[in-house]
Amino acid sequence: MVPAEHSAQPGRMIGIGVNVAAELPDPVGNVVDELANRARAAEASGVDTVWLPQGYGFDTLTVIAALARETGRVELGASVVVVQPRHPRVLAAQALTAHAASHGRLALGLGVSHPGLLEVYGIPFERPVAALREHLDVLLPILDCRAVPGSSGTGSDAASTAVPGAGPRVPVLFGALGPVMLRLAGERGDGTITFLSGPRTIGEHVVPHLTRAADAAGRPRPRVVVGLPVAVTDDPRRVRHAVATSHAPYARLPSYAATLERDGFATPGDIVVAGDEDAVADGLRRYAEAGATDVNVSLVGTTAERERTLVHLGHLASASRR
């Protein structure tokens, strides 16, 4: 049973990130089948959202379309699709198809990657914000069922790019941490998806930049989705040490290094929300108090700890909806 004090809402929406690569170098059988199993388990637990990353392997939006037929309630989020390698019209078609498959449950996260990671596509990491702006100029009108301004010719009108059944509008969030990207997310998107960001970064940096931009643009309050490693465990020190090791490569990327420094964290392990059920609820509540609207939880620890964590998060999510 969840203690009564846990009924206090730790955040508006609780999501679980599902993946296989970090845990299983050689996934059992079929990666889509395995992700479907995890998505069904997440939905059954009671959480609000299932988030999938986009790496160099499986295509996230294709998988989301498959998971849409295996689930019936949870939001299905892409966290995040890098825009530079994809033509915006192609990405719009993929997103609208996944949105239709899920009957309106897609949340589309977009990003611009990092220096040293984008080049694998043969694309230099140059002018990332400008690249995203140009992408949005084409993508957003199509997602809104409008013609792209200035386009003409066959296939350019709104009717030719429509995907019947894809309504309502696809929410678009950006992987944004810097002031310029946060301003763009507030002006033209529905929010941001963060990673390795502690309560201080969320409350003193992300939320103010994002909210000011949204207010100035006359847009609704944006979502702030916080990516967090979480473990209900009797040994928080062991879990934090493991995450410090596994996440060390991320900490060397400039944007994440800056957020860790702002929060006063020595290693990525310091960001882990870990402990018993009370400690985890309190840790998540700190992010809600800082202005986070969602958490995107990476389950960490042993298999038993991950199962215990999922059960607890499901209880918290269900309680927050009551």
C-alpha atoms as a PDB file:
ATOM      1  CA  MET A   1       0.000   0.000   0.000  1.00  0.00           C
ATOM      2  CA  VAL A   2       1.087   3.562  -0.667  1.00  0.00           C
ATOM      3  CA  PRO A   3       1.130   5.642   2.548  1.00  0.00           C
ATOM      4  CA  ALA A   4      -1.474   8.391   2.714  1.00  0.00           C
ATOM      5  CA  GLU A   5       1.127  11.151   2.527  1.00  0.00           C
ATOM      6  CA  HIS A   6       2.058   9.951  -0.962  1.00  0.00           C
ATOM      7  CA  SER A   7      -1.263  11.140  -2.319  1.00  0.00           C
ATOM      8  CA  ALA A   8       0.226  14.648  -2.518  1.00  0.00           C
ATOM      9  CA  GLN A   9       0.902  15.278  -6.164  1.00  0.00           C
ATOM     10  CA  PRO A  10       4.673  15.004  -6.942  1.00  0.00           C
ATOM     11  CA  GLY A  11       4.179  16.334 -10.487  1.00  0.00           C
ATOM     12  CA  ARG A  12       1.405  16.655 -13.008  1.00  0.00           C
ATOM     13  CA  MET A  13       2.392  13.699 -15.147  1.00  0.00           C
ATOM     14  CA  ILE A  14       4.685  10.768 -14.449  1.00  0.00           C
ATOM     15  CA  GLY A  15       6.264   9.042 -17.412  1.00  0.00           C
ATOM     16  CA  ILE A  16       8.586   6.082 -17.832  1.00  0.00           C
ATOM     17  CA  GLY A  17      11.348   5.883 -20.408  1.00  0.00           C
ATOM     18  CA  VAL A  18      11.533   2.484 -22.088  1.00  0.00           C
ATOM     19  CA  ASN A  19      14.575   1.240 -23.944  1.00  0.00           C
ATOM     20  CA  VAL A  20      16.598  -1.919 -24.319  1.00  0.00           C
ATOM     21  CA  ALA A  21      20.064  -0.888 -25.441  1.00  0.00           C
ATOM     22  CA  ALA A  22      21.242   0.326 -22.043  1.00  0.00           C
ATOM     23  CA  GLU A  23      20.342  -2.942 -20.372  1.00  0.00           C
ATOM     24  CA  LEU A  24      20.543  -5.646 -23.003  1.00  0.00           C
ATOM     25  CA  PRO A  25      23.431  -5.489 -25.483  1.00  0.00           C
ATOM     26  CA  ASP A  26      21.719  -8.285 -27.402  1.00  0.00           C
ATOM     27  CA  PRO A  27      17.956  -7.745 -26.932  1.00  0.00           C
ATOM     28  CA  VAL A  28      15.915 -10.882 -26.510  1.00  0.00           C
ATOM     29  CA  GLY A  29      14.230 -11.924 -29.746  1.00  0.00           C
ATOM     30  CA  ASN A  30      12.820  -8.757 -31.277  1.00  0.00           C
ATOM     31  CA  VAL A  31      13.371  -5.189 -30.136  1.00  0.00           C
ATOM     32  CA  VAL A  32       9.828  -4.041 -30.985  1.00  0.00           C
ATOM     33  CA  ASP A  33       8.319  -6.981 -29.101  1.00  0.00           C
ATOM     34  CA  GLU A  34      10.497  -6.187 -26.086  1.00  0.00           C
ATOM     35  CA  LEU A  35       9.562  -2.503 -26.126  1.00  0.00           C
ATOM     36  CA  ALA A  36       5.894  -3.473 -26.453  1.00  0.00           C
ATOM     37  CA  ASN A  37       6.213  -5.665 -23.349  1.00  0.00           C
ATOM     38  CA  ARG A  38       7.703  -2.765 -21.410  1.00  0.00           C
ATOM     39  CA  ALA A  39       5.106  -0.290 -22.653  1.00  0.00           C
ATOM     40  CA  ARG A  40       2.264  -2.597 -21.631  1.00  0.00           C
ATOM     41  CA  ALA A  41       3.809  -3.024 -18.183  1.00  0.00           C
ATOM     42  CA  ALA A  42       4.196   0.739 -17.820  1.00  0.00           C
ATOM     43  CA  GLU A  43       0.582   1.353 -18.797  1.00  0.00           C
ATOM     44  CA  ALA A  44      -0.623  -1.354 -16.424  1.00  0.00           C
ATOM     45  CA  SER A  45       1.314   0.271 -13.575  1.00  0.00           C
ATOM     46  CA  GLY A  46      -0.729   3.457 -13.904  1.00  0.00           C
ATOM     47  CA  VAL A  47       1.869   5.946 -15.164  1.00  0.00           C
ATOM     48  CA  ASP A  48       0.795   8.677 -17.574  1.00  0.00           C
ATOM     49  CA  THR A  49       3.380   8.549 -20.380  1.00  0.00           C
ATOM     50  CA  VAL A  50       5.739   6.086 -22.036  1.00  0.00           C
ATOM     51  CA  TRP A  51       8.796   7.857 -23.480  1.00  0.00           C
ATOM     52  CA  LEU A  52      11.092   6.340 -26.106  1.00  0.00           C
ATOM     53  CA  PRO A  53      14.520   7.697 -27.029  1.00  0.00           C
ATOM     54  CA  GLN A  54      15.792   8.071 -30.583  1.00  0.00           C
ATOM     55  CA  GLY A  55      19.260   6.643 -31.025  1.00  0.00           C
ATOM     56  CA  TYR A  56      21.122   5.231 -33.983  1.00  0.00           C
ATOM     57  CA  GLY A  57      19.160   1.967 -34.016  1.00  0.00           C
ATOM     58  CA  PHE A  58      15.390   1.498 -34.088  1.00  0.00           C
ATOM     59  CA  ASP A  59      13.198   4.325 -35.387  1.00  0.00           C
ATOM     60  CA  THR A  60      11.225   5.748 -32.492  1.00  0.00           C
ATOM     61  CA  LEU A  61       8.185   7.004 -34.403  1.00  0.00           C
ATOM     62  CA  THR A  62       7.793   3.668 -36.162  1.00  0.00           C
ATOM     63  CA  VAL A  63       7.961   1.887 -32.809  1.00  0.00           C
ATOM     64  CA  ILE A  64       5.443   4.323 -31.323  1.00  0.00           C
ATOM     65  CA  ALA A  65       2.997   3.475 -34.106  1.00  0.00           C
ATOM     66  CA  ALA A  66       3.437  -0.198 -33.174  1.00  0.00           C
ATOM     67  CA  LEU A  67       3.089   0.479 -29.429  1.00  0.00           C
ATOM     68  CA  ALA A  68      -0.060   2.458 -30.110  1.00  0.00           C
ATOM     69  CA  ARG A  69      -1.775  -0.806 -31.045  1.00  0.00           C
ATOM     70  CA  GLU A  70      -0.478  -2.498 -27.872  1.00  0.00           C
ATOM     71  CA  THR A  71      -1.640   0.222 -25.441  1.00  0.00           C
ATOM     72  CA  GLY A  72      -4.816   2.182 -25.033  1.00  0.00           C
ATOM     73  CA  ARG A  73      -4.379   4.958 -22.485  1.00  0.00           C
ATOM     74  CA  VAL A  74      -0.827   6.218 -22.022  1.00  0.00           C
ATOM     75  CA  GLU A  75       0.640   9.127 -23.895  1.00  0.00           C
ATOM     76  CA  LEU A  76       3.472   7.970 -26.179  1.00  0.00           C
ATOM     77  CA  GLY A  77       6.408  10.352 -26.317  1.00  0.00           C
ATOM     78  CA  ALA A  78       9.475  10.590 -28.561  1.00  0.00           C
ATOM     79  CA  SER A  79      12.413  11.925 -26.572  1.00  0.00           C
ATOM     80  CA  VAL A  80      13.902  13.220 -28.812  1.00  0.00           C
ATOM     81  CA  VAL A  81      14.053  13.006 -32.615  1.00  0.00           C
ATOM     82  CA  VAL A  82      17.051  14.855 -34.074  1.00  0.00           C
ATOM     83  CA  VAL A  83      15.790  17.083 -36.879  1.00  0.00           C
ATOM     84  CA  GLN A  84      18.829  17.659 -39.116  1.00  0.00           C
ATOM     85  CA  PRO A  85      18.893  14.191 -40.775  1.00  0.00           C
ATOM     86  CA  ARG A  86      15.136  14.227 -41.565  1.00  0.00           C
ATOM     87  CA  HIS A  87      13.310  16.349 -44.099  1.00  0.00           C
ATOM     88  CA  PRO A  88      10.525  18.208 -42.251  1.00  0.00           C
ATOM     89  CA  ARG A  89       7.855  16.921 -44.634  1.00  0.00           C
ATOM     90  CA  VAL A  90       8.987  13.350 -44.019  1.00  0.00           C
ATOM     91  CA  LEU A  91       9.056  13.886 -40.263  1.00  0.00           C
ATOM     92  CA  ALA A  92       5.598  15.468 -40.387  1.00  0.00           C
ATOM     93  CA  ALA A  93       4.223  12.428 -42.226  1.00  0.00           C
ATOM     94  CA  GLN A  94       5.843  10.075 -39.697  1.00  0.00           C
ATOM     95  CA  ALA A  95       4.510  12.044 -36.736  1.00  0.00           C
ATOM     96  CA  LEU A  96       0.977  12.365 -38.097  1.00  0.00           C
ATOM     97  CA  THR A  97       0.899   8.644 -38.898  1.00  0.00           C
ATOM     98  CA  ALA A  98       2.000   7.740 -35.363  1.00  0.00           C
ATOM     99  CA  HIS A  99      -0.534  10.223 -33.981  1.00  0.00           C
ATOM    100  CA  ALA A 100      -3.298   8.588 -36.005  1.00  0.00           C
ATOM    101  CA  ALA A 101      -2.182   5.099 -34.977  1.00  0.00           C
ATOM    102  CA  SER A 102      -2.376   6.136 -31.321  1.00  0.00           C
ATOM    103  CA  HIS A 103      -5.651   8.058 -31.719  1.00  0.00           C
ATOM    104  CA  GLY A 104      -4.028  11.304 -30.640  1.00  0.00           C
ATOM    105  CA  ARG A 105      -1.571  10.100 -27.968  1.00  0.00           C
ATOM    106  CA  LEU A 106       1.753  11.183 -29.511  1.00  0.00           C
ATOM    107  CA  ALA A 107       4.024  13.793 -27.926  1.00  0.00           C
ATOM    108  CA  LEU A 108       6.772  14.729 -30.380  1.00  0.00           C
ATOM    109  CA  GLY A 109      10.107  15.703 -28.882  1.00  0.00           C
ATOM    110  CA  LEU A 110      12.610  17.363 -31.217  1.00  0.00           C
ATOM    111  CA  GLY A 111      16.304  18.077 -30.751  1.00  0.00           C
ATOM    112  CA  VAL A 112      19.468  19.158 -32.548  1.00  0.00           C
ATOM    113  CA  SER A 113      21.975  16.674 -31.031  1.00  0.00           C
ATOM    114  CA  HIS A 114      25.503  17.636 -29.927  1.00  0.00           C
ATOM    115  CA  PRO A 115      28.901  18.253 -31.502  1.00  0.00           C
ATOM    116  CA  GLY A 116      30.550  14.947 -32.283  1.00  0.00           C
ATOM    117  CA  LEU A 117      27.260  13.030 -32.388  1.00  0.00           C
ATOM    118  CA  LEU A 118      25.510  14.539 -35.408  1.00  0.00           C
ATOM    119  CA  GLU A 119      28.451  14.019 -37.750  1.00  0.00           C
ATOM    120  CA  VAL A 120      27.704  10.305 -38.098  1.00  0.00           C
ATOM    121  CA  TYR A 121      24.981  11.372 -40.551  1.00  0.00           C
ATOM    122  CA  GLY A 122      27.510  13.309 -42.602  1.00  0.00           C
ATOM    123  CA  ILE A 123      26.048  16.564 -41.312  1.00  0.00           C
ATOM    124  CA  PRO A 124      28.270  19.083 -39.504  1.00  0.00           C
ATOM    125  CA  PHE A 125      27.039  20.484 -36.217  1.00  0.00           C
ATOM    126  CA  GLU A 126      26.543  24.056 -37.402  1.00  0.00           C
ATOM    127  CA  ARG A 127      23.874  26.672 -36.667  1.00  0.00           C
ATOM    128  CA  PRO A 128      21.707  24.228 -34.671  1.00  0.00           C
ATOM    129  CA  VAL A 129      19.085  26.753 -33.603  1.00  0.00           C
ATOM    130  CA  ALA A 130      18.770  28.110 -37.144  1.00  0.00           C
ATOM    131  CA  ALA A 131      18.425  24.532 -38.417  1.00  0.00           C
ATOM    132  CA  LEU A 132      15.577  23.901 -35.991  1.00  0.00           C
ATOM    133  CA  ARG A 133      13.842  27.179 -36.886  1.00  0.00           C
ATOM    134  CA  GLU A 134      13.970  26.334 -40.585  1.00  0.00           C
ATOM    135  CA  HIS A 135      12.673  22.843 -39.857  1.00  0.00           C
ATOM    136  CA  LEU A 136       9.754  24.228 -37.835  1.00  0.00           C
ATOM    137  CA  ASP A 137       8.801  26.620 -40.640  1.00  0.00           C
ATOM    138  CA  VAL A 138       7.776  23.559 -42.664  1.00  0.00           C
ATOM    139  CA  LEU A 139       6.925  21.015 -39.965  1.00  0.00           C
ATOM    140  CA  LEU A 140       4.544  23.005 -37.776  1.00  0.00           C
ATOM    141  CA  PRO A 141       2.122  24.132 -40.515  1.00  0.00           C
ATOM    142  CA  ILE A 142       1.759  20.539 -41.717  1.00  0.00           C
ATOM    143  CA  LEU A 143       1.143  19.299 -38.163  1.00  0.00           C
ATOM    144  CA  ASP A 144      -1.488  22.041 -37.854  1.00  0.00           C
ATOM    145  CA  CYS A 145      -3.144  20.879 -41.109  1.00  0.00           C
ATOM    146  CA  ARG A 146      -2.109  24.052 -42.947  1.00  0.00           C
ATOM    147  CA  ALA A 147      -0.195  24.626 -46.154  1.00  0.00           C
ATOM    148  CA  VAL A 148       3.435  25.579 -45.730  1.00  0.00           C
ATOM    149  CA  PRO A 149       3.758  29.336 -46.376  1.00  0.00           C
ATOM    150  CA  GLY A 150       5.439  30.035 -49.692  1.00  0.00           C
ATOM    151  CA  SER A 151       5.144  26.463 -50.988  1.00  0.00           C
ATOM    152  CA  SER A 152       3.491  25.634 -54.281  1.00  0.00           C
ATOM    153  CA  GLY A 153       3.067  22.826 -56.730  1.00  0.00           C
ATOM    154  CA  THR A 154       1.957  19.230 -56.429  1.00  0.00           C
ATOM    155  CA  GLY A 155       1.848  18.000 -52.834  1.00  0.00           C
ATOM    156  CA  SER A 156       2.161  21.441 -51.274  1.00  0.00           C
ATOM    157  CA  ASP A 157      -1.455  22.039 -50.239  1.00  0.00           C
ATOM    158  CA  ALA A 158      -2.849  21.082 -46.846  1.00  0.00           C
ATOM    159  CA  ALA A 159      -5.135  18.380 -48.238  1.00  0.00           C
ATOM    160  CA  SER A 160      -2.206  16.451 -49.726  1.00  0.00           C
ATOM    161  CA  THR A 161      -0.274  16.339 -46.431  1.00  0.00           C
ATOM    162  CA  ALA A 162      -3.253  15.558 -44.183  1.00  0.00           C
ATOM    163  CA  VAL A 163      -3.414  12.196 -42.397  1.00  0.00           C
ATOM    164  CA  PRO A 164      -7.051  11.355 -41.608  1.00  0.00           C
ATOM    165  CA  GLY A 165      -7.507  10.409 -37.967  1.00  0.00           C
ATOM    166  CA  ALA A 166      -4.404  12.254 -36.788  1.00  0.00           C
ATOM    167  CA  GLY A 167      -6.256  14.926 -34.805  1.00  0.00           C
ATOM    168  CA  PRO A 168      -6.020  16.551 -32.320  1.00  0.00           C
ATOM    169  CA  ARG A 169      -2.882  18.605 -32.821  1.00  0.00           C
ATOM    170  CA  VAL A 170       0.455  16.905 -32.119  1.00  0.00           C
ATOM    171  CA  PRO A 171       2.176  18.546 -29.121  1.00  0.00           C
ATOM    172  CA  VAL A 172       5.784  19.455 -29.976  1.00  0.00           C
ATOM    173  CA  LEU A 173       8.444  19.772 -27.288  1.00  0.00           C
ATOM    174  CA  PHE A 174      12.114  20.601 -27.688  1.00  0.00           C
ATOM    175  CA  GLY A 175      15.204  19.174 -26.066  1.00  0.00           C
ATOM    176  CA  ALA A 176      16.197  22.629 -24.831  1.00  0.00           C
ATOM    177  CA  LEU A 177      18.562  23.758 -22.077  1.00  0.00           C
ATOM    178  CA  GLY A 178      20.276  26.924 -23.373  1.00  0.00           C
ATOM    179  CA  PRO A 179      18.509  30.312 -23.244  1.00  0.00           C
ATOM    180  CA  VAL A 180      18.095  30.602 -27.027  1.00  0.00           C
ATOM    181  CA  MET A 181      16.618  27.120 -27.398  1.00  0.00           C
ATOM    182  CA  LEU A 182      14.367  27.643 -24.384  1.00  0.00           C
ATOM    183  CA  ARG A 183      13.112  30.887 -25.906  1.00  0.00           C
ATOM    184  CA  LEU A 184      12.332  29.067 -29.156  1.00  0.00           C
ATOM    185  CA  ALA A 185      10.550  26.305 -27.225  1.00  0.00           C
ATOM    186  CA  GLY A 186       8.366  28.880 -25.493  1.00  0.00           C
ATOM    187  CA  GLU A 187       7.663  30.872 -28.643  1.00  0.00           C
ATOM    188  CA  ARG A 188       6.877  28.032 -31.025  1.00  0.00           C
ATOM    189  CA  GLY A 189       6.613  24.789 -29.071  1.00  0.00           C
ATOM    190  CA  ASP A 190       4.655  23.254 -26.239  1.00  0.00           C
ATOM    191  CA  GLY A 191       7.526  22.923 -23.805  1.00  0.00           C
ATOM    192  CA  THR A 192      10.906  21.355 -23.202  1.00  0.00           C
ATOM    193  CA  ILE A 193      12.372  17.958 -22.367  1.00  0.00           C
ATOM    194  CA  THR A 194      15.448  18.146 -20.140  1.00  0.00           C
ATOM    195  CA  PHE A 195      18.161  15.696 -19.135  1.00  0.00           C
ATOM    196  CA  LEU A 196      20.658  15.797 -16.246  1.00  0.00           C
ATOM    197  CA  SER A 197      18.970  18.917 -14.879  1.00  0.00           C
ATOM    198  CA  GLY A 198      18.439  19.316 -11.142  1.00  0.00           C
ATOM    199  CA  PRO A 199      15.800  21.346  -9.288  1.00  0.00           C
ATOM    200  CA  ARG A 200      17.941  24.499  -9.286  1.00  0.00           C
ATOM    201  CA  THR A 201      18.394  24.435 -13.061  1.00  0.00           C
ATOM    202  CA  ILE A 202      14.690  23.745 -13.564  1.00  0.00           C
ATOM    203  CA  GLY A 203      13.450  26.419 -11.161  1.00  0.00           C
ATOM    204  CA  GLU A 204      15.987  29.184 -11.744  1.00  0.00           C
ATOM    205  CA  HIS A 205      16.873  28.700 -15.407  1.00  0.00           C
ATOM    206  CA  VAL A 206      14.550  26.507 -17.465  1.00  0.00           C
ATOM    207  CA  VAL A 207      11.140  27.583 -16.183  1.00  0.00           C
ATOM    208  CA  PRO A 208      11.796  31.371 -16.205  1.00  0.00           C
ATOM    209  CA  HIS A 209      13.264  31.435 -19.736  1.00  0.00           C
ATOM    210  CA  LEU A 210      10.576  29.134 -21.109  1.00  0.00           C
ATOM    211  CA  THR A 211       7.636  30.819 -19.390  1.00  0.00           C
ATOM    212  CA  ARG A 212       8.670  34.353 -20.345  1.00  0.00           C
ATOM    213  CA  ALA A 213       8.913  33.350 -23.991  1.00  0.00           C
ATOM    214  CA  ALA A 214       5.553  31.569 -23.951  1.00  0.00           C
ATOM    215  CA  ASP A 215       3.863  34.517 -22.228  1.00  0.00           C
ATOM    216  CA  ALA A 216       5.333  36.985 -24.718  1.00  0.00           C
ATOM    217  CA  ALA A 217       4.101  34.851 -27.598  1.00  0.00           C
ATOM    218  CA  GLY A 218       0.635  34.483 -26.082  1.00  0.00           C
ATOM    219  CA  ARG A 219       0.994  30.727 -25.794  1.00  0.00           C
ATOM    220  CA  PRO A 220      -0.324  28.442 -23.014  1.00  0.00           C
ATOM    221  CA  ARG A 221       1.862  27.466 -20.088  1.00  0.00           C
ATOM    222  CA  PRO A 222       4.524  25.142 -21.513  1.00  0.00           C
ATOM    223  CA  ARG A 223       5.294  21.666 -20.304  1.00  0.00           C
ATOM    224  CA  VAL A 224       8.594  21.040 -18.540  1.00  0.00           C
ATOM    225  CA  VAL A 225       9.481  17.363 -18.841  1.00  0.00           C
ATOM    226  CA  VAL A 226      12.381  16.438 -16.562  1.00  0.00           C
ATOM    227  CA  GLY A 227      14.413  13.343 -17.396  1.00  0.00           C
ATOM    228  CA  LEU A 228      15.513  11.640 -14.169  1.00  0.00           C
ATOM    229  CA  PRO A 229      17.081   8.349 -13.056  1.00  0.00           C
ATOM    230  CA  VAL A 230      14.916   7.047 -10.193  1.00  0.00           C
ATOM    231  CA  ALA A 231      15.179   4.023  -7.915  1.00  0.00           C
ATOM    232  CA  VAL A 232      13.187   2.839  -4.940  1.00  0.00           C
ATOM    233  CA  THR A 233      16.037   1.136  -3.148  1.00  0.00           C
ATOM    234  CA  ASP A 234      17.549   0.334   0.227  1.00  0.00           C
ATOM    235  CA  ASP A 235      21.014   1.197  -1.138  1.00  0.00           C
ATOM    236  CA  PRO A 236      20.949   4.651  -2.770  1.00  0.00           C
ATOM    237  CA  ARG A 237      24.758   4.979  -2.682  1.00  0.00           C
ATOM    238  CA  ARG A 238      25.220   1.908  -4.896  1.00  0.00           C
ATOM    239  CA  VAL A 239      22.633   3.147  -7.411  1.00  0.00           C
ATOM    240  CA  ARG A 240      24.157   6.627  -7.580  1.00  0.00           C
ATOM    241  CA  HIS A 241      27.618   5.184  -8.141  1.00  0.00           C
ATOM    242  CA  ALA A 242      26.319   3.007 -10.995  1.00  0.00           C
ATOM    243  CA  VAL A 243      24.614   5.977 -12.676  1.00  0.00           C
ATOM    244  CA  ALA A 244      27.712   8.141 -12.234  1.00  0.00           C
ATOM    245  CA  THR A 245      29.637   5.515 -14.207  1.00  0.00           C
ATOM    246  CA  SER A 246      27.035   4.790 -16.890  1.00  0.00           C
ATOM    247  CA  HIS A 247      26.223   8.475 -17.510  1.00  0.00           C
ATOM    248  CA  ALA A 248      29.786   9.773 -17.458  1.00  0.00           C
ATOM    249  CA  PRO A 249      29.932  10.224 -21.272  1.00  0.00           C
ATOM    250  CA  TYR A 250      26.868  12.506 -21.161  1.00  0.00           C
ATOM    251  CA  ALA A 251      28.489  14.663 -18.485  1.00  0.00           C
ATOM    252  CA  ARG A 252      31.307  15.482 -20.896  1.00  0.00           C
ATOM    253  CA  LEU A 253      28.916  17.121 -23.371  1.00  0.00           C
ATOM    254  CA  PRO A 254      29.005  20.900 -22.868  1.00  0.00           C
ATOM    255  CA  SER A 255      25.266  21.486 -22.372  1.00  0.00           C
ATOM    256  CA  TYR A 256      24.936  18.752 -19.747  1.00  0.00           C
ATOM    257  CA  ALA A 257      28.181  19.695 -18.025  1.00  0.00           C
ATOM    258  CA  ALA A 258      26.807  23.226 -17.616  1.00  0.00           C
ATOM    259  CA  THR A 259      23.592  22.027 -15.986  1.00  0.00           C
ATOM    260  CA  LEU A 260      25.444  19.745 -13.581  1.00  0.00           C
ATOM    261  CA  GLU A 261      27.678  22.635 -12.580  1.00  0.00           C
ATOM    262  CA  ARG A 262      24.699  24.967 -12.104  1.00  0.00           C
ATOM    263  CA  ASP A 263      23.091  22.455  -9.762  1.00  0.00           C
ATOM    264  CA  GLY A 264      26.305  21.871  -7.865  1.00  0.00           C
ATOM    265  CA  PHE A 265      26.457  18.199  -8.824  1.00  0.00           C
ATOM    266  CA  ALA A 266      29.900  16.604  -8.994  1.00  0.00           C
ATOM    267  CA  THR A 267      28.752  13.607 -11.084  1.00  0.00           C
ATOM    268  CA  PRO A 268      25.583  12.498 -12.897  1.00  0.00           C
ATOM    269  CA  GLY A 269      24.990  10.142  -9.974  1.00  0.00           C
ATOM    270  CA  ASP A 270      24.102  13.121  -7.792  1.00  0.00           C
ATOM    271  CA  ILE A 271      20.948  13.738  -9.803  1.00  0.00           C
ATOM    272  CA  VAL A 272      19.451  10.306  -9.035  1.00  0.00           C
ATOM    273  CA  VAL A 273      16.257  10.325  -6.985  1.00  0.00           C
ATOM    274  CA  ALA A 274      16.795   7.263  -4.808  1.00  0.00           C
ATOM    275  CA  GLY A 275      15.705   5.841  -1.475  1.00  0.00           C
ATOM    276  CA  ASP A 276      12.556   4.371  -0.032  1.00  0.00           C
ATOM    277  CA  GLU A 277       9.064   5.256  -1.248  1.00  0.00           C
ATOM    278  CA  ASP A 278       8.906   8.392   0.902  1.00  0.00           C
ATOM    279  CA  ALA A 279      12.283   9.623  -0.331  1.00  0.00           C
ATOM    280  CA  VAL A 280      11.342   9.125  -3.984  1.00  0.00           C
ATOM    281  CA  ALA A 281       8.003  10.923  -3.570  1.00  0.00           C
ATOM    282  CA  ASP A 282       9.772  13.800  -1.839  1.00  0.00           C
ATOM    283  CA  GLY A 283      12.455  13.952  -4.543  1.00  0.00           C
ATOM    284  CA  LEU A 284       9.886  14.156  -7.314  1.00  0.00           C
ATOM    285  CA  ARG A 285       7.929  16.752  -5.373  1.00  0.00           C
ATOM    286  CA  ARG A 286      10.999  19.024  -5.347  1.00  0.00           C
ATOM    287  CA  TYR A 287      10.883  19.103  -9.135  1.00  0.00           C
ATOM    288  CA  ALA A 288       7.168  19.890  -9.152  1.00  0.00           C
ATOM    289  CA  GLU A 289       7.790  22.742  -6.733  1.00  0.00           C
ATOM    290  CA  ALA A 290      10.513  24.024  -9.073  1.00  0.00           C
ATOM    291  CA  GLY A 291       8.000  24.154 -11.928  1.00  0.00           C
ATOM    292  CA  ALA A 292       8.292  20.765 -13.628  1.00  0.00           C
ATOM    293  CA  THR A 293       5.023  19.539 -15.092  1.00  0.00           C
ATOM    294  CA  ASP A 294       6.225  16.034 -15.991  1.00  0.00           C
ATOM    295  CA  VAL A 295       8.956  13.574 -15.127  1.00  0.00           C
ATOM    296  CA  ASN A 296      10.440  11.126 -17.620  1.00  0.00           C
ATOM    297  CA  VAL A 297      11.855   8.439 -15.338  1.00  0.00           C
ATOM    298  CA  SER A 298      14.721   6.151 -16.227  1.00  0.00           C
ATOM    299  CA  LEU A 299      14.362   3.099 -14.010  1.00  0.00           C
ATOM    300  CA  VAL A 300      17.761   2.268 -12.506  1.00  0.00           C
ATOM    301  CA  GLY A 301      19.070  -0.309 -10.061  1.00  0.00           C
ATOM    302  CA  THR A 302      18.530  -4.044  -9.946  1.00  0.00           C
ATOM    303  CA  THR A 303      15.626  -5.766 -11.697  1.00  0.00           C
ATOM    304  CA  ALA A 304      13.800  -6.037  -8.379  1.00  0.00           C
ATOM    305  CA  GLU A 305      14.399  -2.356  -7.630  1.00  0.00           C
ATOM    306  CA  ARG A 306      13.126  -1.329 -11.045  1.00  0.00           C
ATOM    307  CA  GLU A 307       9.965  -3.345 -10.543  1.00  0.00           C
ATOM    308  CA  ARG A 308       9.469  -1.829  -7.096  1.00  0.00           C
ATOM    309  CA  THR A 309      10.025   1.652  -8.529  1.00  0.00           C
ATOM    310  CA  LEU A 310       7.540   1.150 -11.358  1.00  0.00           C
ATOM    311  CA  VAL A 311       4.846   0.009  -8.932  1.00  0.00           C
ATOM    312  CA  HIS A 312       5.434   3.031  -6.721  1.00  0.00           C
ATOM    313  CA  LEU A 313       5.418   5.495  -9.615  1.00  0.00           C
ATOM    314  CA  GLY A 314       2.191   3.991 -10.872  1.00  0.00           C
ATOM    315  CA  HIS A 315       0.614   4.560  -7.458  1.00  0.00           C
ATOM    316  CA  LEU A 316       1.826   8.165  -7.420  1.00  0.00           C
ATOM    317  CA  ALA A 317       0.511   8.822 -10.924  1.00  0.00           C
ATOM    318  CA  SER A 318      -2.873   7.254 -10.163  1.00  0.00           C
ATOM    319  CA  ALA A 319      -3.150   9.260  -6.934  1.00  0.00           C
ATOM    320  CA  SER A 320      -2.390  12.519  -8.751  1.00  0.00           C
ATOM    321  CA  ARG A 321      -5.264  11.910 -11.163  1.00  0.00           C
ATOM    322  CA  ARG A 322      -7.811  11.456  -8.393  1.00  0.00           C
END
